[in-house]
Amino acid sequence: MPRRLTDAELAEIRRRRPGVRASLACEGMYLTAEEEALFEQMDRDRLTPDESAQRIIEFSRAKRRKKALASS
């Protein structure tokens, strides 16, 4: 069974999130409600950084597939 994030690790991720949002906003990038929900779900699941990266990749691929199907 993979290791889950500790309370301290999860708290640090949540502490940094507003800064990440601000940094993205400086680049003109804003998270959608769906993307915010993805990050909240990853917090609840206490995913490790590698697991989170995999979940983001899956999310992105599904979103692209959906967009491709809608445009065809």
N, C-alpha and C. Protein backbone atom coordinates (compact mmCIF):
# COMPACT_ATOMS: atom_id res chain seq x y z
N MET A 1 0.85 -1.19 0.00
CA MET A 1 0.00 0.00 0.00
C MET A 1 0.89 1.24 0.00
N PRO A 2 0.63 2.19 -0.91
CA PRO A 2 1.46 3.40 -0.96
C PRO A 2 1.31 4.25 0.31
N ARG A 3 2.35 4.97 0.61
CA ARG A 3 2.36 5.87 1.76
C ARG A 3 1.42 7.04 1.49
N ARG A 4 0.71 7.49 2.49
CA ARG A 4 -0.18 8.64 2.37
C ARG A 4 0.49 9.85 3.01
N LEU A 5 0.09 11.03 2.60
CA LEU A 5 0.64 12.25 3.18
C LEU A 5 0.30 12.34 4.66
N THR A 6 1.23 12.88 5.42
CA THR A 6 0.98 13.11 6.84
C THR A 6 0.18 14.40 7.00
N ASP A 7 -0.32 14.63 8.20
CA ASP A 7 -1.04 15.87 8.48
C ASP A 7 -0.15 17.08 8.21
N ALA A 8 1.11 17.00 8.61
CA ALA A 8 2.04 18.12 8.41
C ALA A 8 2.29 18.37 6.92
N GLU A 9 2.47 17.32 6.14
CA GLU A 9 2.69 17.47 4.70
C GLU A 9 1.47 18.09 4.02
N LEU A 10 0.31 17.61 4.40
CA LEU A 10 -0.93 18.13 3.82
C LEU A 10 -1.13 19.61 4.21
N ALA A 11 -0.82 19.95 5.45
CA ALA A 11 -0.94 21.33 5.91
C ALA A 11 0.01 22.24 5.11
N GLU A 12 1.21 21.76 4.83
CA GLU A 12 2.17 22.56 4.06
C GLU A 12 1.69 22.78 2.63
N ILE A 13 1.11 21.77 2.02
CA ILE A 13 0.56 21.91 0.67
C ILE A 13 -0.55 22.95 0.67
N ARG A 14 -1.43 22.86 1.63
CA ARG A 14 -2.55 23.81 1.71
C ARG A 14 -2.05 25.23 2.01
N ARG A 15 -0.98 25.34 2.80
CA ARG A 15 -0.43 26.65 3.12
C ARG A 15 0.15 27.32 1.87
N ARG A 16 0.74 26.52 0.99
CA ARG A 16 1.36 27.05 -0.22
C ARG A 16 0.37 27.36 -1.34
N ARG A 17 -0.80 26.76 -1.30
CA ARG A 17 -1.74 26.87 -2.42
C ARG A 17 -2.11 28.31 -2.79
N PRO A 18 -2.38 29.22 -1.85
CA PRO A 18 -2.69 30.60 -2.26
C PRO A 18 -1.55 31.24 -3.05
N GLY A 19 -0.32 30.97 -2.67
CA GLY A 19 0.83 31.50 -3.41
C GLY A 19 0.91 30.94 -4.81
N VAL A 20 0.57 29.67 -4.95
CA VAL A 20 0.56 29.05 -6.28
C VAL A 20 -0.53 29.68 -7.13
N ARG A 21 -1.71 29.89 -6.56
CA ARG A 21 -2.79 30.56 -7.30
C ARG A 21 -2.37 31.95 -7.75
N ALA A 22 -1.71 32.70 -6.86
CA ALA A 22 -1.26 34.05 -7.20
C ALA A 22 -0.22 34.01 -8.31
N SER A 23 0.68 33.05 -8.25
CA SER A 23 1.70 32.91 -9.28
C SER A 23 1.07 32.58 -10.63
N LEU A 24 0.10 31.69 -10.63
CA LEU A 24 -0.60 31.35 -11.86
C LEU A 24 -1.34 32.57 -12.41
N ALA A 25 -1.97 33.33 -11.52
CA ALA A 25 -2.71 34.52 -11.94
C ALA A 25 -1.79 35.54 -12.60
N CYS A 26 -0.56 35.65 -12.11
CA CYS A 26 0.41 36.56 -12.72
C CYS A 26 0.69 36.17 -14.18
N GLU A 27 0.52 34.90 -14.48
CA GLU A 27 0.73 34.40 -15.84
C GLU A 27 -0.58 34.38 -16.63
N GLY A 28 -1.65 34.89 -16.02
CA GLY A 28 -2.94 34.90 -16.70
C GLY A 28 -3.66 33.57 -16.68
N MET A 29 -3.26 32.70 -15.77
CA MET A 29 -3.86 31.37 -15.67
C MET A 29 -4.67 31.29 -14.39
N TYR A 30 -5.89 30.81 -14.51
CA TYR A 30 -6.78 30.68 -13.36
C TYR A 30 -7.35 29.27 -13.34
N LEU A 31 -7.43 28.67 -12.15
CA LEU A 31 -7.99 27.33 -12.03
C LEU A 31 -9.50 27.39 -12.14
N THR A 32 -10.06 26.45 -12.88
CA THR A 32 -11.51 26.34 -12.98
C THR A 32 -12.04 25.69 -11.70
N ALA A 33 -13.34 25.76 -11.51
CA ALA A 33 -13.96 25.11 -10.36
C ALA A 33 -13.68 23.60 -10.40
N GLU A 34 -13.68 23.05 -11.60
CA GLU A 34 -13.40 21.61 -11.77
C GLU A 34 -11.97 21.29 -11.34
N GLU A 35 -11.02 22.15 -11.70
CA GLU A 35 -9.62 21.94 -11.31
C GLU A 35 -9.43 22.12 -9.80
N GLU A 36 -10.11 23.12 -9.23
CA GLU A 36 -10.05 23.31 -7.77
C GLU A 36 -10.58 22.06 -7.07
N ALA A 37 -11.67 21.51 -7.59
CA ALA A 37 -12.25 20.30 -7.00
C ALA A 37 -11.28 19.13 -7.08
N LEU A 38 -10.54 19.05 -8.18
CA LEU A 38 -9.54 17.99 -8.34
C LEU A 38 -8.50 18.09 -7.23
N PHE A 39 -8.00 19.30 -6.96
CA PHE A 39 -6.99 19.48 -5.92
C PHE A 39 -7.55 19.18 -4.54
N GLU A 40 -8.78 19.56 -4.30
CA GLU A 40 -9.42 19.25 -3.02
C GLU A 40 -9.57 17.75 -2.84
N GLN A 41 -9.93 17.04 -3.92
CA GLN A 41 -10.07 15.59 -3.85
C GLN A 41 -8.71 14.93 -3.58
N MET A 42 -7.66 15.44 -4.21
CA MET A 42 -6.33 14.90 -3.97
C MET A 42 -5.92 15.11 -2.52
N ASP A 43 -6.30 16.25 -1.93
CA ASP A 43 -6.03 16.49 -0.50
C ASP A 43 -6.77 15.47 0.35
N ARG A 44 -8.06 15.28 0.06
CA ARG A 44 -8.86 14.33 0.85
C ARG A 44 -8.28 12.91 0.74
N ASP A 45 -7.80 12.56 -0.45
CA ASP A 45 -7.23 11.23 -0.64
C ASP A 45 -5.80 11.12 -0.12
N ARG A 46 -5.22 12.28 0.26
CA ARG A 46 -3.85 12.34 0.78
C ARG A 46 -2.85 11.70 -0.17
N LEU A 47 -2.98 12.06 -1.44
CA LEU A 47 -2.11 11.50 -2.45
C LEU A 47 -0.69 12.04 -2.33
N THR A 48 0.27 11.17 -2.61
CA THR A 48 1.67 11.59 -2.64
C THR A 48 1.88 12.45 -3.88
N PRO A 49 2.99 13.18 -3.95
CA PRO A 49 3.25 13.99 -5.15
C PRO A 49 3.21 13.19 -6.45
N ASP A 50 3.75 11.98 -6.45
CA ASP A 50 3.72 11.16 -7.67
C ASP A 50 2.29 10.75 -8.02
N GLU A 51 1.51 10.39 -7.02
CA GLU A 51 0.11 10.02 -7.27
C GLU A 51 -0.69 11.23 -7.75
N SER A 52 -0.41 12.38 -7.18
CA SER A 52 -1.09 13.60 -7.60
C SER A 52 -0.77 13.93 -9.04
N ALA A 53 0.50 13.80 -9.40
CA ALA A 53 0.91 14.07 -10.78
C ALA A 53 0.19 13.13 -11.74
N GLN A 54 0.09 11.86 -11.38
CA GLN A 54 -0.61 10.90 -12.22
C GLN A 54 -2.09 11.26 -12.37
N ARG A 55 -2.71 11.68 -11.27
CA ARG A 55 -4.13 12.07 -11.31
C ARG A 55 -4.32 13.30 -12.21
N ILE A 56 -3.40 14.26 -12.15
CA ILE A 56 -3.49 15.46 -12.99
C ILE A 56 -3.34 15.08 -14.46
N ILE A 57 -2.43 14.17 -14.76
CA ILE A 57 -2.25 13.70 -16.15
C ILE A 57 -3.53 13.05 -16.64
N GLU A 58 -4.11 12.18 -15.83
CA GLU A 58 -5.36 11.51 -16.22
C GLU A 58 -6.48 12.52 -16.44
N PHE A 59 -6.58 13.51 -15.57
CA PHE A 59 -7.58 14.55 -15.68
C PHE A 59 -7.40 15.32 -16.98
N SER A 60 -6.17 15.69 -17.26
CA SER A 60 -5.86 16.46 -18.47
C SER A 60 -6.17 15.66 -19.74
N ARG A 61 -5.80 14.40 -19.74
CA ARG A 61 -6.08 13.55 -20.91
C ARG A 61 -7.58 13.39 -21.13
N ALA A 62 -8.32 13.19 -20.05
CA ALA A 62 -9.78 13.04 -20.17
C ALA A 62 -10.40 14.31 -20.71
N LYS A 63 -9.91 15.45 -20.25
CA LYS A 63 -10.42 16.74 -20.70
C LYS A 63 -10.15 16.93 -22.20
N ARG A 64 -8.94 16.56 -22.65
CA ARG A 64 -8.61 16.68 -24.07
C ARG A 64 -9.45 15.74 -24.93
N ARG A 65 -9.67 14.51 -24.44
CA ARG A 65 -10.51 13.55 -25.17
C ARG A 65 -11.93 14.10 -25.33
N LYS A 66 -12.45 14.64 -24.23
CA LYS A 66 -13.80 15.21 -24.26
C LYS A 66 -13.89 16.35 -25.26
N LYS A 67 -12.89 17.21 -25.27
CA LYS A 67 -12.85 18.35 -26.19
C LYS A 67 -12.75 17.86 -27.64
N ALA A 68 -11.93 16.84 -27.88
CA ALA A 68 -11.76 16.31 -29.24
C ALA A 68 -13.07 15.69 -29.74
N LEU A 69 -13.77 14.97 -28.85
CA LEU A 69 -15.04 14.37 -29.24
C LEU A 69 -16.09 15.43 -29.54
N ALA A 70 -16.08 16.51 -28.79
CA ALA A 70 -17.05 17.58 -28.99
C ALA A 70 -16.81 18.34 -30.30
N SER A 71 -15.56 18.40 -30.74
CA SER A 71 -15.25 19.16 -31.96
C SER A 71 -15.31 18.30 -33.23
N SER A 72 -15.50 17.01 -33.06
CA SER A 72 -15.56 16.15 -34.26
C SER A 72 -16.96 15.86 -34.72
